[in-house]
Amino acid sequence: MSKWIHAKFSLDGSNRLISADRKTWFININQKYFKNMVSELVIKFTDLVCKVCMKSHHTQSGLISCLWFHRHDSIDYYLDNIMDDKNE
């Protein structure tokens, strides 16, 4: 079971409880795997609607730019939704 740390230790200042495991994933994705994560989200968002900000895009490159624009929120969405799907 993961130990919980208070949000004041988070990089995004979201004031929510986060696990140390989640923070490790967040940092690794942010530093090393963000490009792969964006590719995976683009495949999942087949209707070209960014599920993070609910904006509709006409092209895949527009969706990719949107995901890069709100990078931290994109990673949070990935960890909350896509990673949970993989673990089930």
PDB file of N, CA and C in Angstrom:
ATOM      1  N   MET A   1       0.839  -1.184   0.000  1.00  0.00           N
ATOM      2  CA  MET A   1       0.000   0.000   0.000  1.00  0.00           C
ATOM      3  C   MET A   1       0.879   1.240   0.000  1.00  0.00           C
ATOM      4  N   SER A   2       0.515   2.191  -0.812  1.00  0.00           N
ATOM      5  CA  SER A   2       1.308   3.410  -0.944  1.00  0.00           C
ATOM      6  C   SER A   2       1.126   4.319   0.255  1.00  0.00           C
ATOM      7  N   LYS A   3       2.173   5.019   0.569  1.00  0.00           N
ATOM      8  CA  LYS A   3       2.083   6.059   1.594  1.00  0.00           C
ATOM      9  C   LYS A   3       1.541   7.318   0.930  1.00  0.00           C
ATOM     10  N   TRP A   4       0.732   8.081   1.644  1.00  0.00           N
ATOM     11  CA  TRP A   4       0.159   9.304   1.092  1.00  0.00           C
ATOM     12  C   TRP A   4       0.942  10.498   1.599  1.00  0.00           C
ATOM     13  N   ILE A   5       1.174  11.437   0.709  1.00  0.00           N
ATOM     14  CA  ILE A   5       1.836  12.676   1.095  1.00  0.00           C
ATOM     15  C   ILE A   5       0.898  13.838   0.786  1.00  0.00           C
ATOM     16  N   HIS A   6       1.088  14.944   1.464  1.00  0.00           N
ATOM     17  CA  HIS A   6       0.199  16.081   1.263  1.00  0.00           C
ATOM     18  C   HIS A   6       0.572  16.830  -0.009  1.00  0.00           C
ATOM     19  N   ALA A   7      -0.405  17.480  -0.605  1.00  0.00           N
ATOM     20  CA  ALA A   7      -0.248  18.151  -1.898  1.00  0.00           C
ATOM     21  C   ALA A   7       0.796  19.260  -1.885  1.00  0.00           C
ATOM     22  N   LYS A   8       1.129  19.791  -0.712  1.00  0.00           N
ATOM     23  CA  LYS A   8       2.114  20.873  -0.712  1.00  0.00           C
ATOM     24  C   LYS A   8       3.457  20.404  -1.266  1.00  0.00           C
ATOM     25  N   PHE A   9       3.645  19.090  -1.372  1.00  0.00           N
ATOM     26  CA  PHE A   9       4.857  18.550  -1.968  1.00  0.00           C
ATOM     27  C   PHE A   9       4.705  18.318  -3.470  1.00  0.00           C
ATOM     28  N   SER A  10       3.517  18.558  -4.006  1.00  0.00           N
ATOM     29  CA  SER A  10       3.295  18.340  -5.436  1.00  0.00           C
ATOM     30  C   SER A  10       3.869  19.495  -6.237  1.00  0.00           C
ATOM     31  N   LEU A  11       4.198  19.208  -7.484  1.00  0.00           N
ATOM     32  CA  LEU A  11       4.757  20.235  -8.358  1.00  0.00           C
ATOM     33  C   LEU A  11       3.681  21.133  -8.944  1.00  0.00           C
ATOM     34  N   ASP A  12       2.445  20.632  -9.013  1.00  0.00           N
ATOM     35  CA  ASP A  12       1.388  21.403  -9.675  1.00  0.00           C
ATOM     36  C   ASP A  12       0.558  22.253  -8.725  1.00  0.00           C
ATOM     37  N   GLY A  13       0.759  22.136  -7.408  1.00  0.00           N
ATOM     38  CA  GLY A  13       0.043  22.953  -6.443  1.00  0.00           C
ATOM     39  C   GLY A  13      -1.459  22.750  -6.449  1.00  0.00           C
ATOM     40  N   SER A  14      -1.904  21.527  -6.709  1.00  0.00           N
ATOM     41  CA  SER A  14      -3.333  21.265  -6.859  1.00  0.00           C
ATOM     42  C   SER A  14      -4.063  21.082  -5.532  1.00  0.00           C
ATOM     43  N   ASN A  15      -3.344  21.069  -4.412  1.00  0.00           N
ATOM     44  CA  ASN A  15      -3.950  20.903  -3.094  1.00  0.00           C
ATOM     45  C   ASN A  15      -4.794  19.647  -2.975  1.00  0.00           C
ATOM     46  N   ARG A  16      -4.304  18.551  -3.483  1.00  0.00           N
ATOM     47  CA  ARG A  16      -4.978  17.271  -3.317  1.00  0.00           C
ATOM     48  C   ARG A  16      -3.968  16.248  -2.833  1.00  0.00           C
ATOM     49  N   LEU A  17      -4.465  15.216  -2.186  1.00  0.00           N
ATOM     50  CA  LEU A  17      -3.582  14.162  -1.726  1.00  0.00           C
ATOM     51  C   LEU A  17      -3.125  13.327  -2.912  1.00  0.00           C
ATOM     52  N   ILE A  18      -1.853  13.014  -2.906  1.00  0.00           N
ATOM     53  CA  ILE A  18      -1.291  12.209  -3.989  1.00  0.00           C
ATOM     54  C   ILE A  18      -0.427  11.107  -3.394  1.00  0.00           C
ATOM     55  N   SER A  19      -0.312  10.006  -4.097  1.00  0.00           N
ATOM     56  CA  SER A  19       0.549   8.933  -3.614  1.00  0.00           C
ATOM     57  C   SER A  19       1.962   9.143  -4.127  1.00  0.00           C
ATOM     58  N   ALA A  20       2.918   8.584  -3.406  1.00  0.00           N
ATOM     59  CA  ALA A  20       4.311   8.681  -3.837  1.00  0.00           C
ATOM     60  C   ALA A  20       4.494   7.945  -5.161  1.00  0.00           C
ATOM     61  N   ASP A  21       3.798   6.808  -5.348  1.00  0.00           N
ATOM     62  CA  ASP A  21       3.879   6.072  -6.613  1.00  0.00           C
ATOM     63  C   ASP A  21       3.376   6.928  -7.768  1.00  0.00           C
ATOM     64  N   ARG A  22       2.268   7.612  -7.567  1.00  0.00           N
ATOM     65  CA  ARG A  22       1.706   8.465  -8.616  1.00  0.00           C
ATOM     66  C   ARG A  22       2.673   9.585  -8.975  1.00  0.00           C
ATOM     67  N   LYS A  23       3.276  10.201  -7.970  1.00  0.00           N
ATOM     68  CA  LYS A  23       4.224  11.290  -8.224  1.00  0.00           C
ATOM     69  C   LYS A  23       5.428  10.773  -9.010  1.00  0.00           C
ATOM     70  N   THR A  24       5.891   9.567  -8.718  1.00  0.00           N
ATOM     71  CA  THR A  24       6.997   8.978  -9.469  1.00  0.00           C
ATOM     72  C   THR A  24       6.610   8.795 -10.927  1.00  0.00           C
ATOM     73  N   TRP A  25       5.397   8.252 -11.168  1.00  0.00           N
ATOM     74  CA  TRP A  25       4.910   8.103 -12.549  1.00  0.00           C
ATOM     75  C   TRP A  25       4.819   9.457 -13.230  1.00  0.00           C
ATOM     76  N   PHE A  26       4.272  10.445 -12.522  1.00  0.00           N
ATOM     77  CA  PHE A  26       4.086  11.786 -13.080  1.00  0.00           C
ATOM     78  C   PHE A  26       5.431  12.367 -13.532  1.00  0.00           C
ATOM     79  N   ILE A  27       6.423  12.281 -12.669  1.00  0.00           N
ATOM     80  CA  ILE A  27       7.743  12.837 -12.981  1.00  0.00           C
ATOM     81  C   ILE A  27       8.376  12.090 -14.152  1.00  0.00           C
ATOM     82  N   ASN A  28       8.287  10.762 -14.154  1.00  0.00           N
ATOM     83  CA  ASN A  28       8.869   9.980 -15.248  1.00  0.00           C
ATOM     84  C   ASN A  28       8.211  10.304 -16.580  1.00  0.00           C
ATOM     85  N   ILE A  29       6.890  10.394 -16.584  1.00  0.00           N
ATOM     86  CA  ILE A  29       6.184  10.729 -17.828  1.00  0.00           C
ATOM     87  C   ILE A  29       6.576  12.126 -18.289  1.00  0.00           C
ATOM     88  N   ASN A  30       6.603  13.066 -17.364  1.00  0.00           N
ATOM     89  CA  ASN A  30       6.928  14.452 -17.702  1.00  0.00           C
ATOM     90  C   ASN A  30       8.331  14.568 -18.288  1.00  0.00           C
ATOM     91  N   GLN A  31       9.283  13.808 -17.762  1.00  0.00           N
ATOM     92  CA  GLN A  31      10.671  13.937 -18.194  1.00  0.00           C
ATOM     93  C   GLN A  31      11.027  13.044 -19.376  1.00  0.00           C
ATOM     94  N   LYS A  32      10.423  11.833 -19.456  1.00  0.00           N
ATOM     95  CA  LYS A  32      10.912  10.857 -20.425  1.00  0.00           C
ATOM     96  C   LYS A  32       9.878  10.379 -21.436  1.00  0.00           C
ATOM     97  N   TYR A  33       8.636  10.224 -21.016  1.00  0.00           N
ATOM     98  CA  TYR A  33       7.679   9.476 -21.822  1.00  0.00           C
ATOM     99  C   TYR A  33       6.506  10.292 -22.327  1.00  0.00           C
ATOM    100  N   PHE A  34       6.577  11.618 -22.249  1.00  0.00           N
ATOM    101  CA  PHE A  34       5.419  12.430 -22.601  1.00  0.00           C
ATOM    102  C   PHE A  34       5.008  12.252 -24.061  1.00  0.00           C
ATOM    103  N   LYS A  35       5.972  12.169 -24.955  1.00  0.00           N
ATOM    104  CA  LYS A  35       5.670  12.008 -26.380  1.00  0.00           C
ATOM    105  C   LYS A  35       4.893  10.710 -26.622  1.00  0.00           C
ATOM    106  N   ASN A  36       5.303   9.618 -25.970  1.00  0.00           N
ATOM    107  CA  ASN A  36       4.591   8.343 -26.098  1.00  0.00           C
ATOM    108  C   ASN A  36       3.190   8.428 -25.503  1.00  0.00           C
ATOM    109  N   MET A  37       3.060   9.128 -24.379  1.00  0.00           N
ATOM    110  CA  MET A  37       1.768   9.278 -23.730  1.00  0.00           C
ATOM    111  C   MET A  37       0.797  10.047 -24.614  1.00  0.00           C
ATOM    112  N   VAL A  38       1.287  11.110 -25.272  1.00  0.00           N
ATOM    113  CA  VAL A  38       0.445  11.894 -26.171  1.00  0.00           C
ATOM    114  C   VAL A  38      -0.033  11.016 -27.329  1.00  0.00           C
ATOM    115  N   SER A  39       0.860  10.209 -27.886  1.00  0.00           N
ATOM    116  CA  SER A  39       0.484   9.310 -28.984  1.00  0.00           C
ATOM    117  C   SER A  39      -0.614   8.353 -28.551  1.00  0.00           C
ATOM    118  N   GLU A  40      -0.518   7.850 -27.338  1.00  0.00           N
ATOM    119  CA  GLU A  40      -1.529   6.926 -26.819  1.00  0.00           C
ATOM    120  C   GLU A  40      -2.871   7.626 -26.609  1.00  0.00           C
ATOM    121  N   LEU A  41      -2.838   8.862 -26.109  1.00  0.00           N
ATOM    122  CA  LEU A  41      -4.080   9.610 -25.919  1.00  0.00           C
ATOM    123  C   LEU A  41      -4.741   9.933 -27.254  1.00  0.00           C
ATOM    124  N   VAL A  42      -3.950  10.275 -28.265  1.00  0.00           N
ATOM    125  CA  VAL A  42      -4.500  10.600 -29.585  1.00  0.00           C
ATOM    126  C   VAL A  42      -5.241   9.385 -30.146  1.00  0.00           C
ATOM    127  N   ILE A  43      -4.693   8.197 -29.944  1.00  0.00           N
ATOM    128  CA  ILE A  43      -5.365   6.971 -30.394  1.00  0.00           C
ATOM    129  C   ILE A  43      -6.677   6.772 -29.631  1.00  0.00           C
ATOM    130  N   LYS A  44      -6.685   7.050 -28.334  1.00  0.00           N
ATOM    131  CA  LYS A  44      -7.896   6.887 -27.516  1.00  0.00           C
ATOM    132  C   LYS A  44      -8.963   7.933 -27.851  1.00  0.00           C
ATOM    133  N   PHE A  45      -8.528   9.140 -28.216  1.00  0.00           N
ATOM    134  CA  PHE A  45      -9.463  10.232 -28.516  1.00  0.00           C
ATOM    135  C   PHE A  45      -9.780  10.224 -30.007  1.00  0.00           C
ATOM    136  N   THR A  46     -10.397   9.166 -30.494  1.00  0.00           N
ATOM    137  CA  THR A  46     -10.633   8.983 -31.924  1.00  0.00           C
ATOM    138  C   THR A  46     -11.518  10.070 -32.527  1.00  0.00           C
ATOM    139  N   ASP A  47     -12.359  10.715 -31.717  1.00  0.00           N
ATOM    140  CA  ASP A  47     -13.237  11.769 -32.228  1.00  0.00           C
ATOM    141  C   ASP A  47     -12.547  13.136 -32.273  1.00  0.00           C
ATOM    142  N   LEU A  48     -11.245  13.170 -31.947  1.00  0.00           N
ATOM    143  CA  LEU A  48     -10.423  14.392 -31.945  1.00  0.00           C
ATOM    144  C   LEU A  48     -10.909  15.445 -30.952  1.00  0.00           C
ATOM    145  N   VAL A  49     -11.648  15.015 -29.933  1.00  0.00           N
ATOM    146  CA  VAL A  49     -12.029  15.912 -28.849  1.00  0.00           C
ATOM    147  C   VAL A  49     -11.064  15.678 -27.705  1.00  0.00           C
ATOM    148  N   CYS A  50     -10.388  16.726 -27.289  1.00  0.00           N
ATOM    149  CA  CYS A  50      -9.477  16.623 -26.156  1.00  0.00           C
ATOM    150  C   CYS A  50     -10.310  16.442 -24.892  1.00  0.00           C
ATOM    151  N   LYS A  51     -10.167  15.317 -24.244  1.00  0.00           N
ATOM    152  CA  LYS A  51     -10.956  15.018 -23.048  1.00  0.00           C
ATOM    153  C   LYS A  51     -10.486  15.823 -21.836  1.00  0.00           C
ATOM    154  N   VAL A  52      -9.318  16.439 -21.942  1.00  0.00           N
ATOM    155  CA  VAL A  52      -8.788  17.232 -20.838  1.00  0.00           C
ATOM    156  C   VAL A  52      -9.508  18.580 -20.754  1.00  0.00           C
ATOM    157  N   CYS A  53      -9.634  19.270 -21.905  1.00  0.00           N
ATOM    158  CA  CYS A  53     -10.282  20.589 -21.908  1.00  0.00           C
ATOM    159  C   CYS A  53     -11.603  20.590 -22.682  1.00  0.00           C
ATOM    160  N   MET A  54     -11.977  19.422 -23.214  1.00  0.00           N
ATOM    161  CA  MET A  54     -13.227  19.221 -23.951  1.00  0.00           C
ATOM    162  C   MET A  54     -13.319  20.091 -25.204  1.00  0.00           C
ATOM    163  N   LYS A  55     -12.183  20.388 -25.813  1.00  0.00           N
ATOM    164  CA  LYS A  55     -12.153  21.172 -27.051  1.00  0.00           C
ATOM    165  C   LYS A  55     -12.110  20.227 -28.246  1.00  0.00           C
ATOM    166  N   SER A  56     -12.900  20.517 -29.265  1.00  0.00           N
ATOM    167  CA  SER A  56     -12.929  19.716 -30.481  1.00  0.00           C
ATOM    168  C   SER A  56     -11.875  20.223 -31.461  1.00  0.00           C
ATOM    169  N   HIS A  57     -11.200  19.283 -32.123  1.00  0.00           N
ATOM    170  CA  HIS A  57     -10.149  19.640 -33.080  1.00  0.00           C
ATOM    171  C   HIS A  57     -10.484  19.054 -34.443  1.00  0.00           C
ATOM    172  N   HIS A  58     -10.004  19.711 -35.493  1.00  0.00           N
ATOM    173  CA  HIS A  58     -10.262  19.252 -36.860  1.00  0.00           C
ATOM    174  C   HIS A  58      -9.200  18.274 -37.342  1.00  0.00           C
ATOM    175  N   THR A  59      -8.008  18.351 -36.749  1.00  0.00           N
ATOM    176  CA  THR A  59      -6.915  17.486 -37.178  1.00  0.00           C
ATOM    177  C   THR A  59      -6.233  16.850 -35.972  1.00  0.00           C
ATOM    178  N   GLN A  60      -5.506  15.755 -36.239  1.00  0.00           N
ATOM    179  CA  GLN A  60      -4.735  15.112 -35.180  1.00  0.00           C
ATOM    180  C   GLN A  60      -3.655  16.043 -34.657  1.00  0.00           C
ATOM    181  N   SER A  61      -3.036  16.809 -35.535  1.00  0.00           N
ATOM    182  CA  SER A  61      -1.973  17.718 -35.086  1.00  0.00           C
ATOM    183  C   SER A  61      -2.528  18.796 -34.154  1.00  0.00           C
ATOM    184  N   GLY A  62      -3.770  19.222 -34.377  1.00  0.00           N
ATOM    185  CA  GLY A  62      -4.408  20.171 -33.469  1.00  0.00           C
ATOM    186  C   GLY A  62      -4.613  19.573 -32.094  1.00  0.00           C
ATOM    187  N   LEU A  63      -5.044  18.312 -32.057  1.00  0.00           N
ATOM    188  CA  LEU A  63      -5.226  17.615 -30.781  1.00  0.00           C
ATOM    189  C   LEU A  63      -3.893  17.436 -30.077  1.00  0.00           C
ATOM    190  N   ILE A  64      -2.863  17.074 -30.818  1.00  0.00           N
ATOM    191  CA  ILE A  64      -1.529  16.898 -30.231  1.00  0.00           C
ATOM    192  C   ILE A  64      -1.034  18.218 -29.644  1.00  0.00           C
ATOM    193  N   SER A  65      -1.208  19.314 -30.369  1.00  0.00           N
ATOM    194  CA  SER A  65      -0.797  20.631 -29.864  1.00  0.00           C
ATOM    195  C   SER A  65      -1.546  20.986 -28.585  1.00  0.00           C
ATOM    196  N   CYS A  66      -2.827  20.659 -28.540  1.00  0.00           N
ATOM    197  CA  CYS A  66      -3.642  20.937 -27.351  1.00  0.00           C
ATOM    198  C   CYS A  66      -3.112  20.152 -26.148  1.00  0.00           C
ATOM    199  N   LEU A  67      -2.814  18.878 -26.362  1.00  0.00           N
ATOM    200  CA  LEU A  67      -2.293  18.047 -25.271  1.00  0.00           C
ATOM    201  C   LEU A  67      -0.950  18.562 -24.777  1.00  0.00           C
ATOM    202  N   TRP A  68      -0.114  19.046 -25.687  1.00  0.00           N
ATOM    203  CA  TRP A  68       1.171  19.627 -25.292  1.00  0.00           C
ATOM    204  C   TRP A  68       0.957  20.950 -24.553  1.00  0.00           C
ATOM    205  N   PHE A  69      -0.049  21.726 -24.964  1.00  0.00           N
ATOM    206  CA  PHE A  69      -0.299  23.028 -24.348  1.00  0.00           C
ATOM    207  C   PHE A  69      -0.609  22.893 -22.857  1.00  0.00           C
ATOM    208  N   HIS A  70      -1.459  21.929 -22.504  1.00  0.00           N
ATOM    209  CA  HIS A  70      -1.751  21.730 -21.072  1.00  0.00           C
ATOM    210  C   HIS A  70      -1.148  20.413 -20.597  1.00  0.00           C
ATOM    211  N   ARG A  71       0.152  20.361 -20.692  1.00  0.00           N
ATOM    212  CA  ARG A  71       0.962  19.170 -20.427  1.00  0.00           C
ATOM    213  C   ARG A  71       0.648  18.506 -19.078  1.00  0.00           C
ATOM    214  N   HIS A  72       0.655  19.270 -17.991  1.00  0.00           N
ATOM    215  CA  HIS A  72       0.437  18.672 -16.667  1.00  0.00           C
ATOM    216  C   HIS A  72      -0.972  18.110 -16.534  1.00  0.00           C
ATOM    217  N   ASP A  73      -1.952  18.821 -17.056  1.00  0.00           N
ATOM    218  CA  ASP A  73      -3.324  18.311 -17.015  1.00  0.00           C
ATOM    219  C   ASP A  73      -3.462  17.057 -17.871  1.00  0.00           C
ATOM    220  N   SER A  74      -2.748  17.005 -18.989  1.00  0.00           N
ATOM    221  CA  SER A  74      -2.777  15.821 -19.850  1.00  0.00           C
ATOM    222  C   SER A  74      -2.209  14.608 -19.123  1.00  0.00           C
ATOM    223  N   ILE A  75      -1.112  14.812 -18.405  1.00  0.00           N
ATOM    224  CA  ILE A  75      -0.518  13.709 -17.646  1.00  0.00           C
ATOM    225  C   ILE A  75      -1.470  13.251 -16.557  1.00  0.00           C
ATOM    226  N   ASP A  76      -2.098  14.194 -15.851  1.00  0.00           N
ATOM    227  CA  ASP A  76      -3.073  13.821 -14.817  1.00  0.00           C
ATOM    228  C   ASP A  76      -4.222  13.015 -15.418  1.00  0.00           C
ATOM    229  N   TYR A  77      -4.728  13.445 -16.570  1.00  0.00           N
ATOM    230  CA  TYR A  77      -5.809  12.713 -17.229  1.00  0.00           C
ATOM    231  C   TYR A  77      -5.347  11.302 -17.572  1.00  0.00           C
ATOM    232  N   TYR A  78      -4.151  11.188 -18.094  1.00  0.00           N
ATOM    233  CA  TYR A  78      -3.588   9.894 -18.459  1.00  0.00           C
ATOM    234  C   TYR A  78      -3.492   8.976 -17.239  1.00  0.00           C
ATOM    235  N   LEU A  79      -2.969   9.503 -16.145  1.00  0.00           N
ATOM    236  CA  LEU A  79      -2.815   8.700 -14.931  1.00  0.00           C
ATOM    237  C   LEU A  79      -4.166   8.312 -14.332  1.00  0.00           C
ATOM    238  N   ASP A  80      -5.132   9.228 -14.381  1.00  0.00           N
ATOM    239  CA  ASP A  80      -6.446   8.966 -13.786  1.00  0.00           C
ATOM    240  C   ASP A  80      -7.294   8.016 -14.617  1.00  0.00           C
ATOM    241  N   ASN A  81      -7.171   8.064 -15.921  1.00  0.00           N
ATOM    242  CA  ASN A  81      -8.073   7.307 -16.784  1.00  0.00           C
ATOM    243  C   ASN A  81      -7.407   6.174 -17.544  1.00  0.00           C
ATOM    244  N   ILE A  82      -6.358   6.456 -18.267  1.00  0.00           N
ATOM    245  CA  ILE A  82      -5.744   5.458 -19.129  1.00  0.00           C
ATOM    246  C   ILE A  82      -4.976   4.426 -18.308  1.00  0.00           C
ATOM    247  N   MET A  83      -4.186   4.872 -17.335  1.00  0.00           N
ATOM    248  CA  MET A  83      -3.430   3.924 -16.509  1.00  0.00           C
ATOM    249  C   MET A  83      -4.354   3.025 -15.713  1.00  0.00           C
ATOM    250  N   ASP A  84      -5.481   3.571 -15.240  1.00  0.00           N
ATOM    251  CA  ASP A  84      -6.451   2.752 -14.509  1.00  0.00           C
ATOM    252  C   ASP A  84      -7.011   1.649 -15.410  1.00  0.00           C
ATOM    253  N   ASP A  85      -7.273   1.968 -16.680  1.00  0.00           N
ATOM    254  CA  ASP A  85      -7.771   0.976 -17.629  1.00  0.00           C
ATOM    255  C   ASP A  85      -6.766  -0.146 -17.836  1.00  0.00           C
ATOM    256  N   LYS A  86      -5.479   0.198 -17.870  1.00  0.00           N
ATOM    257  CA  LYS A  86      -4.426  -0.793 -18.081  1.00  0.00           C
ATOM    258  C   LYS A  86      -4.277  -1.729 -16.882  1.00  0.00           C
ATOM    259  N   ASN A  87      -4.515  -1.188 -15.686  1.00  0.00           N
ATOM    260  CA  ASN A  87      -4.321  -1.973 -14.464  1.00  0.00           C
ATOM    261  C   ASN A  87      -5.468  -2.931 -14.182  1.00  0.00           C
ATOM    262  N   GLU A  88      -6.585  -2.757 -14.862  1.00  0.00           N
ATOM    263  CA  GLU A  88      -7.740  -3.632 -14.605  1.00  0.00           C
ATOM    264  C   GLU A  88      -7.662  -4.922 -15.379  1.00  0.00           C
TER     265      GLU A  88
END
